[in-house]
Amino acid sequence: MKTFLIAVGINKYSPSRYGAGNNLTECVSDADKFIKAFPAGDLIRLTDSEATYGNVISALKEYARDAKAGDRVIWYQSSHGTQGSPMLNWSVPTARCMYDRVLWDFELPVIFKLFAAGVQVITISDCCYSESNSRDVMVPPVEGATAKRVPLPKSEERTPTKKSLRGIK
């Protein structure tokens, strides 16, 4: 079994796409820590301006070509996340924010269908709306695929975000 890892961390975003003042501070560091914690036989690391929509899709497609039954593909992403308009009648879509545009959860089935049967694809999303980032990945269903949400255990440890201690005990 071989493990493939796509590690995405985005601190700096395209100001022409997202405007000014939307950068983060720890996402690249989080991606690098994930790489150290989960060594892989093959690694694609995409940070800041490298973490474009096209590059992430290309990385997923590359591993879909290379991974064989019994292999594992892990896609870790630390970045902004967003949700779409609740005006859609089927659900409120969520997305991971790439450097240059968002990657909607409803876009993923087309990519995941490219993986061979028996390849385990694990997505770990450390961003806003990550509790539902892939909830609609199986709609429409990917034949033979299963999906499982694994909640992380609650921790009493708290870490301030954006150097703010507001509301942290």
C-alpha atoms as a PDB file:
ATOM      1  CA  MET A   1       0.000   0.000   0.000  1.00  0.00           C
ATOM      2  CA  LYS A   2       1.286   3.436  -0.958  1.00  0.00           C
ATOM      3  CA  THR A   3       0.181   6.713   0.609  1.00  0.00           C
ATOM      4  CA  PHE A   4      -0.165   9.811  -1.563  1.00  0.00           C
ATOM      5  CA  LEU A   5      -0.521  13.201   0.154  1.00  0.00           C
ATOM      6  CA  ILE A   6      -1.779  16.522  -1.154  1.00  0.00           C
ATOM      7  CA  ALA A   7      -1.068  19.171   1.484  1.00  0.00           C
ATOM      8  CA  VAL A   8      -2.626  22.591   0.892  1.00  0.00           C
ATOM      9  CA  GLY A   9      -2.035  25.606   3.129  1.00  0.00           C
ATOM     10  CA  ILE A  10      -3.124  29.103   2.151  1.00  0.00           C
ATOM     11  CA  ASN A  11      -2.175  32.191   4.167  1.00  0.00           C
ATOM     12  CA  LYS A  12      -2.200  34.717   1.331  1.00  0.00           C
ATOM     13  CA  TYR A  13      -5.100  35.061  -1.082  1.00  0.00           C
ATOM     14  CA  SER A  14      -5.466  36.775  -4.429  1.00  0.00           C
ATOM     15  CA  PRO A  15      -6.515  40.342  -3.601  1.00  0.00           C
ATOM     16  CA  SER A  16      -8.110  40.676  -7.041  1.00  0.00           C
ATOM     17  CA  ARG A  17     -10.391  37.714  -6.240  1.00  0.00           C
ATOM     18  CA  TYR A  18     -11.065  38.104  -2.514  1.00  0.00           C
ATOM     19  CA  GLY A  19     -10.180  41.742  -1.784  1.00  0.00           C
ATOM     20  CA  ALA A  20      -7.732  43.022   0.806  1.00  0.00           C
ATOM     21  CA  GLY A  21      -7.568  41.922   4.418  1.00  0.00           C
ATOM     22  CA  ASN A  22      -8.536  38.271   3.956  1.00  0.00           C
ATOM     23  CA  ASN A  23      -5.157  36.681   4.580  1.00  0.00           C
ATOM     24  CA  LEU A  24      -4.523  34.158   7.361  1.00  0.00           C
ATOM     25  CA  THR A  25      -1.391  33.436   9.410  1.00  0.00           C
ATOM     26  CA  GLU A  26      -1.058  29.747  10.301  1.00  0.00           C
ATOM     27  CA  CYS A  27      -2.375  27.669   7.384  1.00  0.00           C
ATOM     28  CA  VAL A  28       0.967  27.041   5.658  1.00  0.00           C
ATOM     29  CA  SER A  29       2.469  26.055   8.997  1.00  0.00           C
ATOM     30  CA  ASP A  30      -0.471  23.695   9.624  1.00  0.00           C
ATOM     31  CA  ALA A  31       0.068  22.022   6.237  1.00  0.00           C
ATOM     32  CA  ASP A  32       3.777  21.587   6.963  1.00  0.00           C
ATOM     33  CA  LYS A  33       2.994  20.066  10.373  1.00  0.00           C
ATOM     34  CA  PHE A  34       0.569  17.665   8.689  1.00  0.00           C
ATOM     35  CA  ILE A  35       3.277  16.600   6.228  1.00  0.00           C
ATOM     36  CA  LYS A  36       5.595  15.765   9.131  1.00  0.00           C
ATOM     37  CA  ALA A  37       2.853  13.881  10.987  1.00  0.00           C
ATOM     38  CA  PHE A  38       1.743  11.817   7.968  1.00  0.00           C
ATOM     39  CA  PRO A  39       4.749  10.871   5.860  1.00  0.00           C
ATOM     40  CA  ALA A  40       3.744   9.758   2.392  1.00  0.00           C
ATOM     41  CA  GLY A  41       5.388   7.887  -0.449  1.00  0.00           C
ATOM     42  CA  ASP A  42       4.380  10.716  -2.777  1.00  0.00           C
ATOM     43  CA  LEU A  43       3.755  14.337  -1.801  1.00  0.00           C
ATOM     44  CA  ILE A  44       2.318  17.390  -3.526  1.00  0.00           C
ATOM     45  CA  ARG A  45       2.642  20.535  -1.364  1.00  0.00           C
ATOM     46  CA  LEU A  46       0.674  23.587  -2.529  1.00  0.00           C
ATOM     47  CA  THR A  47       0.868  26.848  -0.580  1.00  0.00           C
ATOM     48  CA  ASP A  48      -0.370  30.391  -1.108  1.00  0.00           C
ATOM     49  CA  SER A  49      -0.266  31.357  -4.818  1.00  0.00           C
ATOM     50  CA  GLU A  50       0.604  27.746  -5.808  1.00  0.00           C
ATOM     51  CA  ALA A  51      -2.692  26.546  -4.279  1.00  0.00           C
ATOM     52  CA  THR A  52      -4.846  27.517  -7.234  1.00  0.00           C
ATOM     53  CA  TYR A  53      -8.040  25.765  -8.228  1.00  0.00           C
ATOM     54  CA  GLY A  54      -6.303  24.337 -11.292  1.00  0.00           C
ATOM     55  CA  ASN A  55      -3.279  23.056  -9.369  1.00  0.00           C
ATOM     56  CA  VAL A  56      -5.406  21.300  -6.738  1.00  0.00           C
ATOM     57  CA  ILE A  57      -7.580  19.676  -9.424  1.00  0.00           C
ATOM     58  CA  SER A  58      -4.410  18.649 -11.324  1.00  0.00           C
ATOM     59  CA  ALA A  59      -2.952  17.100  -8.160  1.00  0.00           C
ATOM     60  CA  LEU A  60      -6.126  15.087  -7.539  1.00  0.00           C
ATOM     61  CA  LYS A  61      -6.184  13.934 -11.179  1.00  0.00           C
ATOM     62  CA  GLU A  62      -2.489  12.972 -11.054  1.00  0.00           C
ATOM     63  CA  TYR A  63      -3.067  10.777  -8.013  1.00  0.00           C
ATOM     64  CA  ALA A  64      -6.224   9.342  -9.580  1.00  0.00           C
ATOM     65  CA  ARG A  65      -3.990   8.156 -12.463  1.00  0.00           C
ATOM     66  CA  ASP A  66      -1.204   6.848 -10.187  1.00  0.00           C
ATOM     67  CA  ALA A  67      -3.038   5.287  -7.216  1.00  0.00           C
ATOM     68  CA  LYS A  68      -3.927   1.596  -7.397  1.00  0.00           C
ATOM     69  CA  ALA A  69      -6.368  -0.525  -5.400  1.00  0.00           C
ATOM     70  CA  GLY A  70      -5.144  -0.684  -1.804  1.00  0.00           C
ATOM     71  CA  ASP A  71      -3.444   2.742  -1.986  1.00  0.00           C
ATOM     72  CA  ARG A  72      -4.487   5.711   0.109  1.00  0.00           C
ATOM     73  CA  VAL A  73      -4.777   9.328  -1.081  1.00  0.00           C
ATOM     74  CA  ILE A  74      -4.980  11.990   1.637  1.00  0.00           C
ATOM     75  CA  TRP A  75      -5.968  15.557   0.770  1.00  0.00           C
ATOM     76  CA  TYR A  76      -5.329  17.924   3.681  1.00  0.00           C
ATOM     77  CA  GLN A  77      -6.311  21.566   3.370  1.00  0.00           C
ATOM     78  CA  SER A  78      -5.945  24.458   5.797  1.00  0.00           C
ATOM     79  CA  SER A  79      -7.529  27.634   4.412  1.00  0.00           C
ATOM     80  CA  HIS A  80     -10.631  29.760   4.309  1.00  0.00           C
ATOM     81  CA  GLY A  81     -13.905  28.016   3.568  1.00  0.00           C
ATOM     82  CA  THR A  82     -17.253  29.400   2.483  1.00  0.00           C
ATOM     83  CA  GLN A  83     -20.841  28.492   1.779  1.00  0.00           C
ATOM     84  CA  GLY A  84     -23.141  29.345  -1.070  1.00  0.00           C
ATOM     85  CA  SER A  85     -26.599  30.732  -1.253  1.00  0.00           C
ATOM     86  CA  PRO A  86     -29.334  28.905   0.666  1.00  0.00           C
ATOM     87  CA  MET A  87     -31.607  29.835  -2.260  1.00  0.00           C
ATOM     88  CA  LEU A  88     -30.640  26.590  -3.989  1.00  0.00           C
ATOM     89  CA  ASN A  89     -33.379  24.078  -3.355  1.00  0.00           C
ATOM     90  CA  TRP A  90     -31.179  20.998  -2.778  1.00  0.00           C
ATOM     91  CA  SER A  91     -28.860  22.256  -0.031  1.00  0.00           C
ATOM     92  CA  VAL A  92     -26.489  24.992   1.000  1.00  0.00           C
ATOM     93  CA  PRO A  93     -23.275  24.225  -0.893  1.00  0.00           C
ATOM     94  CA  THR A  94     -19.962  24.622   0.862  1.00  0.00           C
ATOM     95  CA  ALA A  95     -16.495  25.135  -0.566  1.00  0.00           C
ATOM     96  CA  ARG A  96     -12.794  25.289   0.150  1.00  0.00           C
ATOM     97  CA  CYS A  97     -11.258  28.634  -0.838  1.00  0.00           C
ATOM     98  CA  MET A  98      -8.315  28.213  -3.177  1.00  0.00           C
ATOM     99  CA  TYR A  99      -5.897  31.047  -3.892  1.00  0.00           C
ATOM    100  CA  ASP A 100      -7.786  32.183  -6.969  1.00  0.00           C
ATOM    101  CA  ARG A 101     -11.361  30.841  -6.609  1.00  0.00           C
ATOM    102  CA  VAL A 102     -13.475  28.450  -4.588  1.00  0.00           C
ATOM    103  CA  LEU A 103     -13.731  24.695  -5.098  1.00  0.00           C
ATOM    104  CA  TRP A 104     -17.361  23.750  -4.442  1.00  0.00           C
ATOM    105  CA  ASP A 105     -18.181  20.439  -2.782  1.00  0.00           C
ATOM    106  CA  PHE A 106     -20.568  19.587  -5.628  1.00  0.00           C
ATOM    107  CA  GLU A 107     -17.634  19.717  -8.079  1.00  0.00           C
ATOM    108  CA  LEU A 108     -15.830  16.833  -6.387  1.00  0.00           C
ATOM    109  CA  PRO A 109     -17.824  13.773  -7.586  1.00  0.00           C
ATOM    110  CA  VAL A 110     -16.472  14.231 -11.107  1.00  0.00           C
ATOM    111  CA  ILE A 111     -12.914  14.112  -9.741  1.00  0.00           C
ATOM    112  CA  PHE A 112     -13.506  11.273  -7.269  1.00  0.00           C
ATOM    113  CA  LYS A 113     -15.001   9.097 -10.019  1.00  0.00           C
ATOM    114  CA  LEU A 114     -11.549   9.074 -11.626  1.00  0.00           C
ATOM    115  CA  PHE A 115     -10.043   7.012  -8.795  1.00  0.00           C
ATOM    116  CA  ALA A 116      -9.793   3.259  -9.291  1.00  0.00           C
ATOM    117  CA  ALA A 117     -11.936   0.942  -7.221  1.00  0.00           C
ATOM    118  CA  GLY A 118     -10.196   0.104  -3.957  1.00  0.00           C
ATOM    119  CA  VAL A 119      -8.346   3.420  -3.618  1.00  0.00           C
ATOM    120  CA  GLN A 120      -9.109   5.045  -0.264  1.00  0.00           C
ATOM    121  CA  VAL A 121      -9.509   8.829  -0.623  1.00  0.00           C
ATOM    122  CA  ILE A 122      -9.457  10.770   2.649  1.00  0.00           C
ATOM    123  CA  THR A 123     -10.186  14.492   2.784  1.00  0.00           C
ATOM    124  CA  ILE A 124      -9.279  16.542   5.843  1.00  0.00           C
ATOM    125  CA  SER A 125     -10.488  20.112   5.716  1.00  0.00           C
ATOM    126  CA  ASP A 126      -9.356  22.655   8.319  1.00  0.00           C
ATOM    127  CA  CYS A 127     -11.460  25.611   7.220  1.00  0.00           C
ATOM    128  CA  CYS A 128     -14.782  27.294   7.865  1.00  0.00           C
ATOM    129  CA  TYR A 129     -17.757  25.077   7.002  1.00  0.00           C
ATOM    130  CA  SER A 130     -15.433  22.056   7.082  1.00  0.00           C
ATOM    131  CA  GLU A 131     -18.048  20.087   8.996  1.00  0.00           C
ATOM    132  CA  SER A 132     -19.944  19.895   5.735  1.00  0.00           C
ATOM    133  CA  ASN A 133     -17.280  20.485   3.054  1.00  0.00           C
ATOM    134  CA  SER A 134     -17.817  17.099   1.491  1.00  0.00           C
ATOM    135  CA  ARG A 135     -21.347  16.248   2.557  1.00  0.00           C
ATOM    136  CA  ASP A 136     -22.626  16.260  -1.006  1.00  0.00           C
ATOM    137  CA  VAL A 137     -19.621  14.549  -2.568  1.00  0.00           C
ATOM    138  CA  MET A 138     -21.675  11.413  -3.064  1.00  0.00           C
ATOM    139  CA  VAL A 139     -24.603  13.205  -4.711  1.00  0.00           C
ATOM    140  CA  PRO A 140     -24.968  11.993  -7.377  1.00  0.00           C
ATOM    141  CA  PRO A 141     -23.513   8.745  -5.992  1.00  0.00           C
ATOM    142  CA  VAL A 142     -20.131   7.494  -7.077  1.00  0.00           C
ATOM    143  CA  GLU A 143     -20.798   3.835  -7.861  1.00  0.00           C
ATOM    144  CA  GLY A 144     -19.297   1.539  -5.261  1.00  0.00           C
ATOM    145  CA  ALA A 145     -18.056   4.388  -3.075  1.00  0.00           C
ATOM    146  CA  THR A 146     -18.822   4.839   0.576  1.00  0.00           C
ATOM    147  CA  ALA A 147     -18.491   7.949   2.677  1.00  0.00           C
ATOM    148  CA  LYS A 148     -18.005   8.199   6.401  1.00  0.00           C
ATOM    149  CA  ARG A 149     -17.764  11.295   8.588  1.00  0.00           C
ATOM    150  CA  VAL A 150     -15.444  10.808  11.531  1.00  0.00           C
ATOM    151  CA  PRO A 151     -15.813  13.503  14.188  1.00  0.00           C
ATOM    152  CA  LEU A 152     -12.648  14.382  16.052  1.00  0.00           C
ATOM    153  CA  PRO A 153     -12.680  13.999  19.834  1.00  0.00           C
ATOM    154  CA  LYS A 154     -13.407  17.150  21.832  1.00  0.00           C
ATOM    155  CA  SER A 155     -10.365  18.752  23.385  1.00  0.00           C
ATOM    156  CA  GLU A 156     -10.150  21.079  26.333  1.00  0.00           C
ATOM    157  CA  GLU A 157      -7.126  22.736  24.770  1.00  0.00           C
ATOM    158  CA  ARG A 158      -7.888  26.067  23.128  1.00  0.00           C
ATOM    159  CA  THR A 159      -5.718  27.959  20.684  1.00  0.00           C
ATOM    160  CA  PRO A 160      -6.383  31.615  19.857  1.00  0.00           C
ATOM    161  CA  THR A 161      -7.057  32.530  16.256  1.00  0.00           C
ATOM    162  CA  LYS A 162      -5.759  35.705  14.606  1.00  0.00           C
ATOM    163  CA  LYS A 163      -3.832  36.533  17.802  1.00  0.00           C
ATOM    164  CA  SER A 164      -7.111  37.232  19.579  1.00  0.00           C
ATOM    165  CA  LEU A 165      -7.912  35.890  23.010  1.00  0.00           C
ATOM    166  CA  ARG A 166     -11.504  37.156  22.895  1.00  0.00           C
ATOM    167  CA  GLY A 167     -13.807  34.474  24.232  1.00  0.00           C
ATOM    168  CA  ILE A 168     -10.991  32.026  24.985  1.00  0.00           C
ATOM    169  CA  LYS A 169     -10.912  30.505  28.464  1.00  0.00           C
END
